[in-house]
N, C-alpha and C. Protein backbone atom coordinates (compact mmCIF):
# COMPACT_ATOMS: atom_id res chain seq x y z
N MET A 1 20.60 -63.68 -93.06
CA MET A 1 21.27 -62.41 -93.09
C MET A 1 21.60 -62.06 -94.54
N GLN A 2 21.83 -63.01 -95.40
CA GLN A 2 22.16 -62.67 -96.79
C GLN A 2 20.95 -61.85 -97.46
N MET A 3 19.73 -62.16 -96.99
CA MET A 3 18.63 -61.43 -97.45
C MET A 3 18.82 -59.98 -97.20
N TYR A 4 19.21 -59.74 -96.04
CA TYR A 4 19.28 -58.28 -95.62
C TYR A 4 20.38 -57.55 -96.23
N VAL A 5 21.44 -58.14 -96.33
CA VAL A 5 22.60 -57.55 -97.06
C VAL A 5 22.24 -57.34 -98.44
N ASN A 6 21.42 -58.43 -99.28
CA ASN A 6 21.15 -58.02 -100.65
C ASN A 6 20.11 -56.79 -100.61
N TYR A 7 19.31 -56.86 -99.62
CA TYR A 7 18.16 -55.70 -99.68
C TYR A 7 18.91 -54.37 -99.54
N TYR A 8 19.88 -54.36 -98.48
CA TYR A 8 20.61 -52.93 -98.34
C TYR A 8 21.30 -52.73 -99.60
N ASP A 9 22.04 -53.47 -100.33
CA ASP A 9 22.81 -53.20 -101.49
C ASP A 9 21.86 -52.75 -102.55
N ARG A 10 20.63 -53.25 -102.69
CA ARG A 10 19.67 -52.82 -103.69
C ARG A 10 19.12 -51.52 -103.49
N TYR A 11 18.68 -51.47 -102.14
CA TYR A 11 17.67 -50.27 -101.87
C TYR A 11 18.23 -49.14 -101.27
N GLU A 12 19.29 -49.45 -100.43
CA GLU A 12 19.83 -48.50 -99.37
C GLU A 12 21.28 -47.95 -99.82
N LYS A 13 21.99 -48.73 -100.13
CA LYS A 13 23.46 -48.47 -100.48
C LYS A 13 23.74 -47.42 -101.67
N LEU A 14 24.50 -46.41 -101.27
CA LEU A 14 24.79 -45.29 -102.41
C LEU A 14 25.82 -45.82 -103.37
N ASP A 15 25.64 -45.18 -104.63
CA ASP A 15 26.58 -45.96 -105.74
C ASP A 15 28.00 -45.83 -105.30
N GLU A 16 28.35 -44.60 -104.68
CA GLU A 16 29.85 -44.59 -104.39
C GLU A 16 30.35 -45.56 -103.22
N GLU A 17 29.49 -46.08 -102.47
CA GLU A 17 29.79 -47.25 -101.52
C GLU A 17 30.21 -48.51 -101.97
N ASN A 18 31.16 -49.20 -101.03
CA ASN A 18 31.37 -50.46 -101.38
C ASN A 18 30.27 -51.55 -101.13
N PRO A 19 30.39 -52.75 -101.64
CA PRO A 19 29.40 -53.75 -101.38
C PRO A 19 29.22 -54.03 -99.95
N THR A 20 27.99 -54.35 -99.44
CA THR A 20 27.82 -54.28 -98.07
C THR A 20 28.11 -55.89 -97.58
N ILE A 21 28.74 -55.97 -96.30
CA ILE A 21 29.03 -57.20 -95.69
C ILE A 21 28.14 -57.52 -94.29
N GLY A 22 28.00 -58.73 -94.08
CA GLY A 22 27.16 -58.75 -92.78
C GLY A 22 27.83 -59.68 -91.85
N ILE A 23 27.86 -59.07 -90.63
CA ILE A 23 28.61 -59.77 -89.71
C ILE A 23 27.53 -60.08 -88.36
N LEU A 24 27.46 -61.17 -88.09
CA LEU A 24 26.51 -61.72 -86.95
C LEU A 24 27.24 -62.16 -85.88
N MET A 25 27.17 -61.44 -84.70
CA MET A 25 27.56 -61.52 -83.54
C MET A 25 26.44 -61.67 -82.50
N CYS A 26 26.49 -62.76 -81.59
CA CYS A 26 25.40 -62.95 -80.62
C CYS A 26 25.96 -63.95 -79.61
N ARG A 27 25.09 -63.80 -78.46
CA ARG A 27 25.48 -64.83 -77.32
C ARG A 27 24.14 -65.53 -76.92
N GLU A 28 24.41 -66.82 -76.86
CA GLU A 28 23.39 -67.57 -76.22
C GLU A 28 23.89 -68.81 -75.61
N ALA A 29 23.14 -69.23 -74.61
CA ALA A 29 23.49 -70.38 -73.82
C ALA A 29 24.99 -70.33 -73.55
N ASN A 30 25.54 -69.19 -72.80
CA ASN A 30 26.92 -69.08 -72.48
C ASN A 30 27.90 -69.36 -73.54
N ASP A 31 27.49 -69.13 -74.94
CA ASP A 31 28.47 -69.30 -75.97
C ASP A 31 28.35 -67.99 -76.76
N ALA A 32 29.54 -67.71 -77.74
CA ALA A 32 29.44 -66.67 -78.36
C ALA A 32 29.70 -67.23 -79.93
N LEU A 33 29.10 -66.59 -80.79
CA LEU A 33 29.04 -66.92 -82.12
C LEU A 33 29.44 -65.82 -83.06
N VAL A 34 30.45 -65.97 -83.76
CA VAL A 34 30.83 -64.93 -84.75
C VAL A 34 30.75 -65.46 -86.32
N GLU A 35 29.86 -65.25 -87.14
CA GLU A 35 29.71 -65.64 -88.63
C GLU A 35 29.87 -64.40 -89.49
N ILE A 36 30.10 -64.50 -90.81
CA ILE A 36 30.34 -63.60 -91.61
C ILE A 36 29.50 -63.94 -93.06
N THR A 37 28.87 -63.14 -93.78
CA THR A 37 28.30 -63.35 -94.92
C THR A 37 28.74 -62.35 -95.87
N LEU A 38 29.06 -62.76 -96.98
CA LEU A 38 29.41 -61.99 -98.41
C LEU A 38 28.75 -62.42 -99.58
N PRO A 39 28.69 -61.53 -100.63
CA PRO A 39 28.16 -62.01 -101.74
C PRO A 39 29.12 -62.87 -102.50
N LYS A 40 28.70 -63.67 -103.34
CA LYS A 40 29.67 -64.65 -103.99
C LYS A 40 30.80 -63.83 -104.73
N ASP A 41 31.85 -64.34 -104.55
CA ASP A 41 33.07 -63.59 -105.41
C ASP A 41 33.32 -62.15 -104.89
N ALA A 42 33.17 -61.71 -103.55
CA ALA A 42 33.00 -60.32 -103.24
C ALA A 42 34.42 -60.17 -102.97
N ASN A 43 34.67 -58.86 -103.01
CA ASN A 43 36.04 -58.44 -102.57
C ASN A 43 35.73 -57.61 -101.00
N ILE A 44 36.61 -57.74 -100.14
CA ILE A 44 36.38 -56.95 -98.91
C ILE A 44 37.56 -55.96 -98.94
N TYR A 45 36.76 -54.76 -98.68
CA TYR A 45 37.66 -53.42 -98.72
C TYR A 45 37.81 -52.96 -97.18
N ALA A 46 38.86 -52.69 -96.70
CA ALA A 46 39.28 -52.34 -95.26
C ALA A 46 39.91 -51.10 -95.07
N SER A 47 39.56 -50.46 -93.98
CA SER A 47 40.35 -49.23 -93.73
C SER A 47 41.64 -49.53 -93.17
N GLN A 48 42.00 -50.46 -92.67
CA GLN A 48 43.16 -50.87 -91.92
C GLN A 48 43.56 -52.16 -92.57
N TYR A 49 44.89 -52.31 -93.00
CA TYR A 49 45.41 -53.89 -93.36
C TYR A 49 46.17 -54.53 -92.16
N LYS A 50 45.72 -55.77 -92.02
CA LYS A 50 46.37 -56.57 -90.95
C LYS A 50 46.83 -57.83 -91.64
N LEU A 51 47.93 -58.45 -91.13
CA LEU A 51 48.61 -59.51 -91.83
C LEU A 51 47.82 -60.79 -91.65
N TYR A 52 46.84 -60.73 -90.59
CA TYR A 52 46.08 -61.82 -90.39
C TYR A 52 44.84 -61.37 -89.89
N LEU A 53 43.71 -62.36 -89.82
CA LEU A 53 42.41 -62.15 -89.12
C LEU A 53 42.42 -62.53 -87.68
N PRO A 54 41.79 -62.01 -86.83
CA PRO A 54 41.73 -62.59 -85.50
C PRO A 54 41.08 -64.07 -85.48
N ASP A 55 41.45 -65.04 -84.79
CA ASP A 55 40.78 -66.29 -84.87
C ASP A 55 39.41 -66.16 -84.20
N LYS A 56 38.70 -67.15 -84.52
CA LYS A 56 37.22 -67.07 -83.94
C LYS A 56 37.27 -67.18 -82.42
N LYS A 57 37.98 -67.72 -81.73
CA LYS A 57 38.01 -67.84 -80.29
C LYS A 57 38.54 -66.38 -79.70
N LEU A 58 39.30 -65.64 -80.19
CA LEU A 58 39.44 -64.23 -79.93
C LEU A 58 38.21 -63.49 -79.94
N LEU A 59 37.66 -63.55 -81.27
CA LEU A 59 36.20 -62.55 -81.36
C LEU A 59 35.40 -63.03 -80.47
N GLN A 60 35.03 -64.26 -79.97
CA GLN A 60 34.03 -65.07 -79.11
C GLN A 60 34.56 -64.26 -77.66
N ASP A 61 35.92 -64.33 -77.37
CA ASP A 61 36.27 -63.72 -76.07
C ASP A 61 35.85 -62.30 -76.04
N LYS A 62 36.08 -61.61 -77.18
CA LYS A 62 36.00 -60.17 -77.10
C LYS A 62 34.32 -59.75 -77.05
N ILE A 63 33.73 -60.61 -77.58
CA ILE A 63 32.11 -60.57 -77.34
C ILE A 63 31.66 -60.62 -75.86
N ARG A 64 32.26 -61.68 -75.40
CA ARG A 64 32.00 -61.96 -73.86
C ARG A 64 32.41 -60.76 -73.03
N GLN A 65 33.63 -60.24 -73.38
CA GLN A 65 33.97 -59.03 -72.59
C GLN A 65 33.09 -57.85 -72.66
N TRP A 66 32.63 -57.57 -74.06
CA TRP A 66 31.75 -56.38 -74.22
C TRP A 66 30.28 -56.49 -73.57
N ILE A 67 29.76 -58.08 -73.61
CA ILE A 67 28.66 -58.12 -72.85
C ILE A 67 28.83 -57.86 -71.41
N ALA A 68 29.97 -58.54 -70.86
CA ALA A 68 30.23 -58.32 -69.27
C ALA A 68 30.17 -56.91 -68.88
N GLU A 69 30.86 -56.06 -69.66
CA GLU A 69 31.00 -54.50 -69.47
C GLU A 69 29.61 -53.81 -69.50
N GLU A 70 28.82 -54.27 -70.38
CA GLU A 70 27.47 -53.74 -70.63
C GLU A 70 26.51 -54.45 -69.60
N GLU A 71 26.68 -55.36 -68.90
CA GLU A 71 25.87 -55.85 -67.75
C GLU A 71 26.44 -55.23 -66.56
N SER A 72 27.44 -54.85 -66.47
CA SER A 72 28.00 -54.34 -65.05
C SER A 72 27.55 -52.80 -64.95
């Protein structure tokens, strides 16, 4: 995924845009996976400030909920 993030930053991203981040969310074998990739020493910019990040289990549960909604 880092290859795609780097490509986007080099060839697609506008100068006034912040650095690209990659978030991988997928479901396989009844499991949900959430991972993030950032360039080294990257700063993350957010439109909303939260005191904490949701834990990985919460994100996995949310993915399962979205999948269930799509399948029904």
